[in-house]
Every structure is written in structure tokens, then in C-alpha cells.
Amino acid sequence: RFSEVSEIKNFVLAERASRDPALEKVLTASLKVDKETKMGIVGDVKQELRKIEQYKVNYTTQKGSVIE
């Protein structure tokens, strides 16, 4: 099942609450983005993360050639 963009806030806040508060500044959200994913969805996710001040984000995509 895929999550909805509206679920991001509660998920991230719950994860933060389950961690040591001293680690909050180093927590990084990681997005594994499929090559078929529309950038609009990625933008929506980024907006939700910004709303809760989750600015550290790592993006993972499919390995490919810089020429393609």
C-alpha cells in the first residue's frame, strides 16, 4: 500500500517522538523515488516535510547513465 501525502506529517512526528531528542537535528528523511514518479508528487511531499521543518532530505533513485 502506498501512503497518502496527508499521512507524512503524522508519520514523521511519530518517528521523531520515538527517538532521542538530542538526535532530532540529525534525522534525515529518505525518499526512494521510482523513475515513473511524477515530480508533482515529489514536490507535494517536499512541501509537507517543510511544514514540519524536516529540511534534511535524501533522495534515492535508480542508478543510470549521465548520458541517457
PDB file of N, CA and C in Angstrom:
ATOM      1  N   ARG A   1       0.837  -1.173   0.000  1.00  0.00           N
ATOM      2  CA  ARG A   1       0.000   0.000   0.000  1.00  0.00           C
ATOM      3  C   ARG A   1       0.880   1.233   0.000  1.00  0.00           C
ATOM      4  N   PHE A   2       0.496   2.193  -0.798  1.00  0.00           N
ATOM      5  CA  PHE A   2       1.181   3.474  -0.830  1.00  0.00           C
ATOM      6  C   PHE A   2       0.528   4.404   0.179  1.00  0.00           C
ATOM      7  N   SER A   3       1.314   5.262   0.762  1.00  0.00           N
ATOM      8  CA  SER A   3       0.792   6.245   1.709  1.00  0.00           C
ATOM      9  C   SER A   3       0.302   7.469   0.953  1.00  0.00           C
ATOM     10  N   GLU A   4      -0.532   8.222   1.611  1.00  0.00           N
ATOM     11  CA  GLU A   4      -1.019   9.481   1.064  1.00  0.00           C
ATOM     12  C   GLU A   4      -0.128  10.602   1.579  1.00  0.00           C
ATOM     13  N   VAL A   5      -0.015  11.665   0.805  1.00  0.00           N
ATOM     14  CA  VAL A   5       0.796  12.813   1.205  1.00  0.00           C
ATOM     15  C   VAL A   5       0.325  13.343   2.562  1.00  0.00           C
ATOM     16  N   SER A   6      -0.960  13.285   2.807  1.00  0.00           N
ATOM     17  CA  SER A   6      -1.511  13.795   4.062  1.00  0.00           C
ATOM     18  C   SER A   6      -1.057  12.996   5.288  1.00  0.00           C
ATOM     19  N   GLU A   7      -0.512  11.804   5.091  1.00  0.00           N
ATOM     20  CA  GLU A   7      -0.054  10.962   6.198  1.00  0.00           C
ATOM     21  C   GLU A   7       1.389  11.261   6.629  1.00  0.00           C
ATOM     22  N   ILE A   8       2.090  12.048   5.848  1.00  0.00           N
ATOM     23  CA  ILE A   8       3.506  12.292   6.092  1.00  0.00           C
ATOM     24  C   ILE A   8       3.737  12.981   7.435  1.00  0.00           C
ATOM     25  N   LYS A   9       2.967  14.010   7.706  1.00  0.00           N
ATOM     26  CA  LYS A   9       3.164  14.785   8.932  1.00  0.00           C
ATOM     27  C   LYS A   9       3.108  13.887  10.167  1.00  0.00           C
ATOM     28  N   ASN A  10       2.042  13.121  10.302  1.00  0.00           N
ATOM     29  CA  ASN A  10       1.890  12.273  11.484  1.00  0.00           C
ATOM     30  C   ASN A  10       2.984  11.218  11.573  1.00  0.00           C
ATOM     31  N   PHE A  11       3.386  10.669  10.441  1.00  0.00           N
ATOM     32  CA  PHE A  11       4.433   9.655  10.439  1.00  0.00           C
ATOM     33  C   PHE A  11       5.759  10.230  10.923  1.00  0.00           C
ATOM     34  N   VAL A  12       6.157  11.366  10.366  1.00  0.00           N
ATOM     35  CA  VAL A  12       7.437  11.969  10.741  1.00  0.00           C
ATOM     36  C   VAL A  12       7.418  12.407  12.205  1.00  0.00           C
ATOM     37  N   LEU A  13       6.335  13.003  12.633  1.00  0.00           N
ATOM     38  CA  LEU A  13       6.255  13.440  14.028  1.00  0.00           C
ATOM     39  C   LEU A  13       6.309  12.249  14.990  1.00  0.00           C
ATOM     40  N   ALA A  14       5.680  11.145  14.634  1.00  0.00           N
ATOM     41  CA  ALA A  14       5.728   9.943  15.467  1.00  0.00           C
ATOM     42  C   ALA A  14       7.146   9.371  15.516  1.00  0.00           C
ATOM     43  N   GLU A  15       7.824   9.383  14.382  1.00  0.00           N
ATOM     44  CA  GLU A  15       9.206   8.900  14.346  1.00  0.00           C
ATOM     45  C   GLU A  15      10.113   9.770  15.203  1.00  0.00           C
ATOM     46  N   ARG A  16       9.940  11.074  15.107  1.00  0.00           N
ATOM     47  CA  ARG A  16      10.734  11.989  15.932  1.00  0.00           C
ATOM     48  C   ARG A  16      10.501  11.719  17.422  1.00  0.00           C
ATOM     49  N   ALA A  17       9.233  11.527  17.780  1.00  0.00           N
ATOM     50  CA  ALA A  17       8.885  11.311  19.186  1.00  0.00           C
ATOM     51  C   ALA A  17       9.476  10.012  19.727  1.00  0.00           C
ATOM     52  N   SER A  18       9.698   9.043  18.867  1.00  0.00           N
ATOM     53  CA  SER A  18      10.229   7.752  19.305  1.00  0.00           C
ATOM     54  C   SER A  18      11.756   7.756  19.429  1.00  0.00           C
ATOM     55  N   ARG A  19      12.388   8.833  19.032  1.00  0.00           N
ATOM     56  CA  ARG A  19      13.857   8.934  19.055  1.00  0.00           C
ATOM     57  C   ARG A  19      14.326   9.820  20.211  1.00  0.00           C
ATOM     58  N   ASP A  20      15.591   9.729  20.485  1.00  0.00           N
ATOM     59  CA  ASP A  20      16.228  10.591  21.484  1.00  0.00           C
ATOM     60  C   ASP A  20      16.154  12.029  20.978  1.00  0.00           C
ATOM     61  N   PRO A  21      15.624  12.949  21.774  1.00  0.00           N
ATOM     62  CA  PRO A  21      15.509  14.350  21.332  1.00  0.00           C
ATOM     63  C   PRO A  21      16.841  14.967  20.887  1.00  0.00           C
ATOM     64  N   ALA A  22      17.932  14.483  21.419  1.00  0.00           N
ATOM     65  CA  ALA A  22      19.244  15.014  21.027  1.00  0.00           C
ATOM     66  C   ALA A  22      19.572  14.699  19.575  1.00  0.00           C
ATOM     67  N   LEU A  23      18.903  13.703  19.003  1.00  0.00           N
ATOM     68  CA  LEU A  23      19.163  13.312  17.613  1.00  0.00           C
ATOM     69  C   LEU A  23      18.279  14.039  16.600  1.00  0.00           C
ATOM     70  N   GLU A  24      17.343  14.835  17.085  1.00  0.00           N
ATOM     71  CA  GLU A  24      16.387  15.472  16.185  1.00  0.00           C
ATOM     72  C   GLU A  24      17.052  16.285  15.076  1.00  0.00           C
ATOM     73  N   LYS A  25      18.134  16.952  15.379  1.00  0.00           N
ATOM     74  CA  LYS A  25      18.803  17.803  14.384  1.00  0.00           C
ATOM     75  C   LYS A  25      19.486  16.997  13.283  1.00  0.00           C
ATOM     76  N   VAL A  26      19.757  15.729  13.533  1.00  0.00           N
ATOM     77  CA  VAL A  26      20.467  14.927  12.532  1.00  0.00           C
ATOM     78  C   VAL A  26      19.561  13.937  11.794  1.00  0.00           C
ATOM     79  N   LEU A  27      18.278  13.898  12.139  1.00  0.00           N
ATOM     80  CA  LEU A  27      17.365  12.995  11.449  1.00  0.00           C
ATOM     81  C   LEU A  27      17.174  13.440  10.001  1.00  0.00           C
ATOM     82  N   THR A  28      17.225  12.480   9.097  1.00  0.00           N
ATOM     83  CA  THR A  28      17.095  12.758   7.673  1.00  0.00           C
ATOM     84  C   THR A  28      15.943  11.944   7.102  1.00  0.00           C
ATOM     85  N   ALA A  29      15.057  12.601   6.378  1.00  0.00           N
ATOM     86  CA  ALA A  29      14.002  11.890   5.660  1.00  0.00           C
ATOM     87  C   ALA A  29      14.620  11.327   4.387  1.00  0.00           C
ATOM     88  N   SER A  30      14.260  10.111   4.042  1.00  0.00           N
ATOM     89  CA  SER A  30      14.810   9.487   2.846  1.00  0.00           C
ATOM     90  C   SER A  30      13.672   9.119   1.905  1.00  0.00           C
ATOM     91  N   LEU A  31      13.757   9.620   0.686  1.00  0.00           N
ATOM     92  CA  LEU A  31      12.736   9.331  -0.320  1.00  0.00           C
ATOM     93  C   LEU A  31      13.323   8.417  -1.390  1.00  0.00           C
ATOM     94  N   LYS A  32      12.738   7.265  -1.558  1.00  0.00           N
ATOM     95  CA  LYS A  32      13.145   6.370  -2.630  1.00  0.00           C
ATOM     96  C   LYS A  32      12.133   6.589  -3.755  1.00  0.00           C
ATOM     97  N   VAL A  33      12.591   7.233  -4.811  1.00  0.00           N
ATOM     98  CA  VAL A  33      11.694   7.695  -5.865  1.00  0.00           C
ATOM     99  C   VAL A  33      11.851   6.833  -7.111  1.00  0.00           C
ATOM    100  N   ASP A  34      10.773   6.241  -7.549  1.00  0.00           N
ATOM    101  CA  ASP A  34      10.754   5.426  -8.752  1.00  0.00           C
ATOM    102  C   ASP A  34      10.867   6.324  -9.983  1.00  0.00           C
ATOM    103  N   LYS A  35      11.456   5.813 -11.049  1.00  0.00           N
ATOM    104  CA  LYS A  35      11.639   6.622 -12.264  1.00  0.00           C
ATOM    105  C   LYS A  35      10.323   7.031 -12.911  1.00  0.00           C
ATOM    106  N   GLU A  36       9.246   6.337 -12.593  1.00  0.00           N
ATOM    107  CA  GLU A  36       7.935   6.673 -13.160  1.00  0.00           C
ATOM    108  C   GLU A  36       7.182   7.714 -12.325  1.00  0.00           C
ATOM    109  N   THR A  37       7.729   8.079 -11.184  1.00  0.00           N
ATOM    110  CA  THR A  37       7.060   9.021 -10.292  1.00  0.00           C
ATOM    111  C   THR A  37       7.054  10.421 -10.901  1.00  0.00           C
ATOM    112  N   LYS A  38       5.911  11.047 -10.868  1.00  0.00           N
ATOM    113  CA  LYS A  38       5.779  12.417 -11.368  1.00  0.00           C
ATOM    114  C   LYS A  38       6.385  13.392 -10.365  1.00  0.00           C
ATOM    115  N   MET A  39       7.081  14.395 -10.864  1.00  0.00           N
ATOM    116  CA  MET A  39       7.736  15.366  -9.986  1.00  0.00           C
ATOM    117  C   MET A  39       6.742  16.146  -9.135  1.00  0.00           C
ATOM    118  N   GLY A  40       5.506  16.247  -9.570  1.00  0.00           N
ATOM    119  CA  GLY A  40       4.480  16.917  -8.767  1.00  0.00           C
ATOM    120  C   GLY A  40       4.280  16.232  -7.426  1.00  0.00           C
ATOM    121  N   ILE A  41       4.331  14.920  -7.420  1.00  0.00           N
ATOM    122  CA  ILE A  41       4.179  14.166  -6.177  1.00  0.00           C
ATOM    123  C   ILE A  41       5.377  14.423  -5.266  1.00  0.00           C
ATOM    124  N   VAL A  42       6.572  14.416  -5.838  1.00  0.00           N
ATOM    125  CA  VAL A  42       7.779  14.697  -5.056  1.00  0.00           C
ATOM    126  C   VAL A  42       7.682  16.101  -4.465  1.00  0.00           C
ATOM    127  N   GLY A  43       7.226  17.046  -5.237  1.00  0.00           N
ATOM    128  CA  GLY A  43       7.048  18.417  -4.751  1.00  0.00           C
ATOM    129  C   GLY A  43       6.049  18.493  -3.611  1.00  0.00           C
ATOM    130  N   ASP A  44       4.952  17.751  -3.727  1.00  0.00           N
ATOM    131  CA  ASP A  44       3.941  17.720  -2.661  1.00  0.00           C
ATOM    132  C   ASP A  44       4.529  17.156  -1.370  1.00  0.00           C
ATOM    133  N   VAL A  45       5.328  16.109  -1.491  1.00  0.00           N
ATOM    134  CA  VAL A  45       5.963  15.504  -0.323  1.00  0.00           C
ATOM    135  C   VAL A  45       6.934  16.504   0.306  1.00  0.00           C
ATOM    136  N   LYS A  46       7.725  17.171  -0.515  1.00  0.00           N
ATOM    137  CA  LYS A  46       8.670  18.166  -0.004  1.00  0.00           C
ATOM    138  C   LYS A  46       7.944  19.279   0.742  1.00  0.00           C
ATOM    139  N   GLN A  47       6.808  19.725   0.220  1.00  0.00           N
ATOM    140  CA  GLN A  47       6.023  20.771   0.882  1.00  0.00           C
ATOM    141  C   GLN A  47       5.572  20.320   2.261  1.00  0.00           C
ATOM    142  N   GLU A  48       5.087  19.077   2.355  1.00  0.00           N
ATOM    143  CA  GLU A  48       4.640  18.557   3.645  1.00  0.00           C
ATOM    144  C   GLU A  48       5.802  18.473   4.628  1.00  0.00           C
ATOM    145  N   LEU A  49       6.962  18.061   4.143  1.00  0.00           N
ATOM    146  CA  LEU A  49       8.133  17.981   5.014  1.00  0.00           C
ATOM    147  C   LEU A  49       8.551  19.373   5.501  1.00  0.00           C
ATOM    148  N   ARG A  50       8.460  20.358   4.628  1.00  0.00           N
ATOM    149  CA  ARG A  50       8.803  21.733   5.027  1.00  0.00           C
ATOM    150  C   ARG A  50       7.871  22.249   6.124  1.00  0.00           C
ATOM    151  N   LYS A  51       6.589  21.890   6.041  1.00  0.00           N
ATOM    152  CA  LYS A  51       5.605  22.353   7.022  1.00  0.00           C
ATOM    153  C   LYS A  51       5.965  21.919   8.436  1.00  0.00           C
ATOM    154  N   ILE A  52       6.638  20.786   8.556  1.00  0.00           N
ATOM    155  CA  ILE A  52       7.023  20.297   9.883  1.00  0.00           C
ATOM    156  C   ILE A  52       8.520  20.469  10.127  1.00  0.00           C
ATOM    157  N   GLU A  53       9.122  21.335   9.326  1.00  0.00           N
ATOM    158  CA  GLU A  53      10.530  21.708   9.451  1.00  0.00           C
ATOM    159  C   GLU A  53      11.477  20.511   9.336  1.00  0.00           C
ATOM    160  N   GLN A  54      11.144  19.599   8.437  1.00  0.00           N
ATOM    161  CA  GLN A  54      12.034  18.477   8.122  1.00  0.00           C
ATOM    162  C   GLN A  54      12.766  18.861   6.839  1.00  0.00           C
ATOM    163  N   TYR A  55      13.909  19.503   7.009  1.00  0.00           N
ATOM    164  CA  TYR A  55      14.637  20.055   5.872  1.00  0.00           C
ATOM    165  C   TYR A  55      15.717  19.122   5.334  1.00  0.00           C
ATOM    166  N   LYS A  56      16.176  18.187   6.155  1.00  0.00           N
ATOM    167  CA  LYS A  56      17.203  17.253   5.694  1.00  0.00           C
ATOM    168  C   LYS A  56      16.508  16.099   4.973  1.00  0.00           C
ATOM    169  N   VAL A  57      16.736  16.028   3.655  1.00  0.00           N
ATOM    170  CA  VAL A  57      16.084  15.004   2.841  1.00  0.00           C
ATOM    171  C   VAL A  57      17.120  14.355   1.935  1.00  0.00           C
ATOM    172  N   ASN A  58      17.085  13.040   1.877  1.00  0.00           N
ATOM    173  CA  ASN A  58      17.944  12.267   0.998  1.00  0.00           C
ATOM    174  C   ASN A  58      17.064  11.661  -0.096  1.00  0.00           C
ATOM    175  N   TYR A  59      17.514  11.745  -1.331  1.00  0.00           N
ATOM    176  CA  TYR A  59      16.760  11.180  -2.457  1.00  0.00           C
ATOM    177  C   TYR A  59      17.530   9.999  -3.037  1.00  0.00           C
ATOM    178  N   THR A  60      16.829   8.898  -3.271  1.00  0.00           N
ATOM    179  CA  THR A  60      17.426   7.736  -3.897  1.00  0.00           C
ATOM    180  C   THR A  60      16.618   7.420  -5.149  1.00  0.00           C
ATOM    181  N   THR A  61      17.339   7.224  -6.247  1.00  0.00           N
ATOM    182  CA  THR A  61      16.669   6.858  -7.495  1.00  0.00           C
ATOM    183  C   THR A  61      17.407   5.670  -8.103  1.00  0.00           C
ATOM    184  N   GLN A  62      16.975   5.293  -9.262  1.00  0.00           N
ATOM    185  CA  GLN A  62      17.604   4.191  -9.964  1.00  0.00           C
ATOM    186  C   GLN A  62      18.959   4.634 -10.512  1.00  0.00           C
ATOM    187  N   LYS A  63      19.944   3.772 -10.387  1.00  0.00           N
ATOM    188  CA  LYS A  63      21.255   4.057 -10.930  1.00  0.00           C
ATOM    189  C   LYS A  63      21.155   4.098 -12.464  1.00  0.00           C
ATOM    190  N   GLY A  64      21.791   5.071 -13.062  1.00  0.00           N
ATOM    191  CA  GLY A  64      21.731   5.183 -14.518  1.00  0.00           C
ATOM    192  C   GLY A  64      22.936   5.903 -15.083  1.00  0.00           C
ATOM    193  N   SER A  65      22.904   6.123 -16.352  1.00  0.00           N
ATOM    194  CA  SER A  65      23.987   6.791 -17.042  1.00  0.00           C
ATOM    195  C   SER A  65      23.706   8.287 -17.136  1.00  0.00           C
ATOM    196  N   VAL A  66      24.739   9.103 -17.006  1.00  0.00           N
ATOM    197  CA  VAL A  66      24.566  10.547 -17.124  1.00  0.00           C
ATOM    198  C   VAL A  66      24.295  10.954 -18.566  1.00  0.00           C
ATOM    199  N   ILE A  67      24.573  10.061 -19.503  1.00  0.00           N
ATOM    200  CA  ILE A  67      24.373  10.348 -20.923  1.00  0.00           C
ATOM    201  C   ILE A  67      22.931  10.124 -21.350  1.00  0.00           C
ATOM    202  N   GLU A  68      22.243   9.225 -20.692  1.00  0.00           N
ATOM    203  CA  GLU A  68      20.863   8.876 -21.093  1.00  0.00           C
ATOM    204  C   GLU A  68      19.893   9.962 -20.785  1.00  0.00           C
TER     205      GLU A  68
END
